[in-house]
Amino acid sequence: NSSLEVASGGTVEANEDLTVGKDAGAEGTVTISGAGSTLTAGDFITVGYGGTGTLTISDGGAASAVDDV
């Protein structure tokens, strides 16, 4: 189980895919909050692929990917 929080104008960049909750039984949480806070993936952002994933974007945060979110 894991979590990632991007807040207060912070930036996270993944060079390739970003998967939250990839494997069976896995639990992942990503929270992006606050103006200017961004999460960018080089290919895809996948939430809950084999396990359980949560992506929360609020208060001016943003997520983007080259291909799909």
N, C-alpha and C. Protein backbone atom coordinates (compact mmCIF):
# COMPACT_ATOMS: atom_id res chain seq x y z
N ASN A 1 0.84 -1.17 0.00
CA ASN A 1 0.00 0.00 0.00
C ASN A 1 0.89 1.24 0.00
N SER A 2 0.46 2.25 -0.75
CA SER A 2 1.28 3.45 -0.82
C SER A 2 0.42 4.67 -1.11
N SER A 3 1.03 5.84 -0.88
CA SER A 3 0.32 7.08 -1.17
C SER A 3 1.30 8.13 -1.67
N LEU A 4 0.77 9.08 -2.42
CA LEU A 4 1.54 10.20 -2.94
C LEU A 4 0.68 11.44 -2.81
N GLU A 5 1.25 12.49 -2.24
CA GLU A 5 0.53 13.76 -2.13
C GLU A 5 1.35 14.86 -2.80
N VAL A 6 0.71 15.59 -3.71
CA VAL A 6 1.33 16.74 -4.37
C VAL A 6 0.51 17.95 -3.94
N ALA A 7 1.15 18.91 -3.27
CA ALA A 7 0.39 20.03 -2.70
C ALA A 7 1.22 21.31 -2.75
N SER A 8 0.53 22.42 -2.52
CA SER A 8 1.18 23.74 -2.37
C SER A 8 2.05 24.11 -3.56
N GLY A 9 1.58 23.82 -4.77
CA GLY A 9 2.33 24.17 -5.97
C GLY A 9 3.43 23.20 -6.33
N GLY A 10 3.46 22.04 -5.70
CA GLY A 10 4.48 21.02 -6.00
C GLY A 10 4.25 20.37 -7.35
N THR A 11 5.30 19.76 -7.88
CA THR A 11 5.24 19.12 -9.19
C THR A 11 5.87 17.73 -9.12
N VAL A 12 5.19 16.74 -9.70
CA VAL A 12 5.75 15.39 -9.83
C VAL A 12 5.66 15.00 -11.29
N GLU A 13 6.77 14.51 -11.85
CA GLU A 13 6.81 14.06 -13.24
C GLU A 13 7.27 12.61 -13.29
N ALA A 14 6.50 11.77 -13.98
CA ALA A 14 6.88 10.37 -14.21
C ALA A 14 7.29 10.26 -15.68
N ASN A 15 8.44 9.69 -15.95
CA ASN A 15 8.93 9.59 -17.33
C ASN A 15 8.11 8.64 -18.18
N GLU A 16 7.46 7.65 -17.57
CA GLU A 16 6.69 6.66 -18.30
C GLU A 16 5.29 6.58 -17.72
N ASP A 17 4.71 5.37 -17.69
CA ASP A 17 3.37 5.17 -17.13
C ASP A 17 3.37 5.40 -15.62
N LEU A 18 2.21 5.81 -15.12
CA LEU A 18 1.99 5.89 -13.68
C LEU A 18 0.75 5.07 -13.39
N THR A 19 0.89 4.02 -12.58
CA THR A 19 -0.23 3.15 -12.24
C THR A 19 -0.44 3.17 -10.73
N VAL A 20 -1.67 3.45 -10.33
CA VAL A 20 -2.04 3.51 -8.91
C VAL A 20 -2.91 2.30 -8.61
N GLY A 21 -2.45 1.41 -7.72
CA GLY A 21 -3.18 0.18 -7.44
C GLY A 21 -3.02 -0.83 -8.55
N LYS A 22 -1.77 -1.15 -8.90
CA LYS A 22 -1.49 -1.99 -10.07
C LYS A 22 -1.81 -3.46 -9.87
N ASP A 23 -1.33 -4.06 -8.80
CA ASP A 23 -1.45 -5.51 -8.64
C ASP A 23 -2.62 -5.89 -7.73
N ALA A 24 -3.12 -7.12 -7.89
CA ALA A 24 -4.21 -7.61 -7.03
C ALA A 24 -3.83 -7.44 -5.57
N GLY A 25 -4.73 -6.88 -4.79
CA GLY A 25 -4.49 -6.66 -3.38
C GLY A 25 -3.78 -5.36 -3.05
N ALA A 26 -3.27 -4.69 -4.06
CA ALA A 26 -2.57 -3.41 -3.84
C ALA A 26 -3.58 -2.29 -3.65
N GLU A 27 -3.21 -1.33 -2.81
CA GLU A 27 -4.03 -0.13 -2.61
C GLU A 27 -3.13 1.08 -2.75
N GLY A 28 -3.52 2.01 -3.62
CA GLY A 28 -2.74 3.22 -3.81
C GLY A 28 -3.63 4.44 -3.83
N THR A 29 -3.09 5.53 -3.31
CA THR A 29 -3.82 6.79 -3.26
C THR A 29 -2.92 7.91 -3.74
N VAL A 30 -3.43 8.74 -4.65
CA VAL A 30 -2.73 9.94 -5.09
C VAL A 30 -3.65 11.12 -4.86
N THR A 31 -3.13 12.15 -4.21
CA THR A 31 -3.89 13.36 -3.95
C THR A 31 -3.11 14.55 -4.51
N ILE A 32 -3.78 15.34 -5.34
CA ILE A 32 -3.17 16.54 -5.92
C ILE A 32 -4.05 17.71 -5.51
N SER A 33 -3.50 18.62 -4.73
CA SER A 33 -4.34 19.72 -4.24
C SER A 33 -3.56 21.03 -4.19
N GLY A 34 -4.27 22.10 -4.47
CA GLY A 34 -3.69 23.43 -4.40
C GLY A 34 -3.30 23.96 -5.76
N ALA A 35 -3.48 25.25 -5.93
CA ALA A 35 -3.16 25.91 -7.20
C ALA A 35 -1.71 25.64 -7.59
N GLY A 36 -1.51 25.25 -8.85
CA GLY A 36 -0.18 25.00 -9.37
C GLY A 36 0.38 23.63 -9.07
N SER A 37 -0.31 22.82 -8.30
CA SER A 37 0.16 21.45 -8.01
C SER A 37 -0.15 20.57 -9.21
N THR A 38 0.87 19.88 -9.73
CA THR A 38 0.67 19.09 -10.95
C THR A 38 1.32 17.72 -10.85
N LEU A 39 0.69 16.78 -11.53
CA LEU A 39 1.22 15.43 -11.72
C LEU A 39 1.20 15.17 -13.21
N THR A 40 2.35 14.84 -13.78
CA THR A 40 2.46 14.61 -15.22
C THR A 40 3.09 13.25 -15.47
N ALA A 41 2.49 12.46 -16.37
CA ALA A 41 3.04 11.15 -16.74
C ALA A 41 3.44 11.17 -18.20
N GLY A 42 4.53 10.48 -18.52
CA GLY A 42 5.04 10.43 -19.88
C GLY A 42 4.15 9.66 -20.83
N ASP A 43 3.40 8.68 -20.33
CA ASP A 43 2.51 7.90 -21.18
C ASP A 43 1.09 7.92 -20.63
N PHE A 44 0.76 7.00 -19.74
CA PHE A 44 -0.60 6.85 -19.22
C PHE A 44 -0.64 7.07 -17.71
N ILE A 45 -1.79 7.47 -17.20
CA ILE A 45 -2.10 7.39 -15.78
C ILE A 45 -3.25 6.41 -15.66
N THR A 46 -3.01 5.30 -14.96
CA THR A 46 -4.01 4.26 -14.78
C THR A 46 -4.32 4.15 -13.29
N VAL A 47 -5.60 4.14 -12.95
CA VAL A 47 -6.02 4.07 -11.55
C VAL A 47 -6.83 2.80 -11.34
N GLY A 48 -6.36 1.92 -10.44
CA GLY A 48 -7.08 0.69 -10.12
C GLY A 48 -6.96 -0.38 -11.19
N TYR A 49 -5.76 -0.63 -11.69
CA TYR A 49 -5.55 -1.61 -12.76
C TYR A 49 -5.87 -3.03 -12.30
N GLY A 50 -5.22 -3.50 -11.25
CA GLY A 50 -5.48 -4.84 -10.72
C GLY A 50 -5.94 -4.80 -9.28
N GLY A 51 -5.57 -3.72 -8.61
CA GLY A 51 -5.94 -3.52 -7.21
C GLY A 51 -6.91 -2.36 -7.09
N THR A 52 -6.79 -1.62 -6.00
CA THR A 52 -7.66 -0.49 -5.74
C THR A 52 -6.85 0.79 -5.80
N GLY A 53 -7.30 1.74 -6.60
CA GLY A 53 -6.60 3.01 -6.71
C GLY A 53 -7.55 4.17 -6.57
N THR A 54 -7.04 5.25 -5.99
CA THR A 54 -7.82 6.47 -5.84
C THR A 54 -6.98 7.65 -6.29
N LEU A 55 -7.54 8.49 -7.16
CA LEU A 55 -6.90 9.72 -7.60
C LEU A 55 -7.84 10.86 -7.27
N THR A 56 -7.39 11.77 -6.40
CA THR A 56 -8.20 12.92 -6.00
C THR A 56 -7.50 14.19 -6.43
N ILE A 57 -8.21 15.03 -7.17
CA ILE A 57 -7.68 16.31 -7.63
C ILE A 57 -8.61 17.40 -7.12
N SER A 58 -8.05 18.40 -6.41
CA SER A 58 -8.90 19.44 -5.84
C SER A 58 -8.19 20.78 -5.76
N ASP A 59 -8.98 21.82 -5.57
CA ASP A 59 -8.48 23.17 -5.28
C ASP A 59 -7.43 23.67 -6.26
N GLY A 60 -7.63 23.42 -7.55
CA GLY A 60 -6.72 23.95 -8.56
C GLY A 60 -5.58 23.03 -8.94
N GLY A 61 -5.53 21.82 -8.39
CA GLY A 61 -4.52 20.85 -8.80
C GLY A 61 -4.83 20.31 -10.18
N ALA A 62 -3.86 19.63 -10.81
CA ALA A 62 -4.06 19.11 -12.16
C ALA A 62 -3.23 17.85 -12.38
N ALA A 63 -3.76 16.97 -13.25
CA ALA A 63 -3.03 15.78 -13.67
C ALA A 63 -3.11 15.70 -15.18
N SER A 64 -2.01 15.26 -15.81
CA SER A 64 -2.01 15.12 -17.26
C SER A 64 -1.09 13.99 -17.66
N ALA A 65 -1.33 13.46 -18.86
CA ALA A 65 -0.51 12.39 -19.41
C ALA A 65 -0.40 12.60 -20.91
N VAL A 66 0.69 12.15 -21.50
CA VAL A 66 0.87 12.28 -22.94
C VAL A 66 -0.23 11.54 -23.68
N ASP A 67 -0.60 10.34 -23.21
CA ASP A 67 -1.62 9.55 -23.88
C ASP A 67 -2.98 9.68 -23.20
N ASP A 68 -3.24 8.94 -22.14
CA ASP A 68 -4.56 8.94 -21.50
C ASP A 68 -4.45 8.99 -19.99
N VAL A 69 -5.50 9.52 -19.37
CA VAL A 69 -5.66 9.48 -17.91
C VAL A 69 -6.87 8.63 -17.63
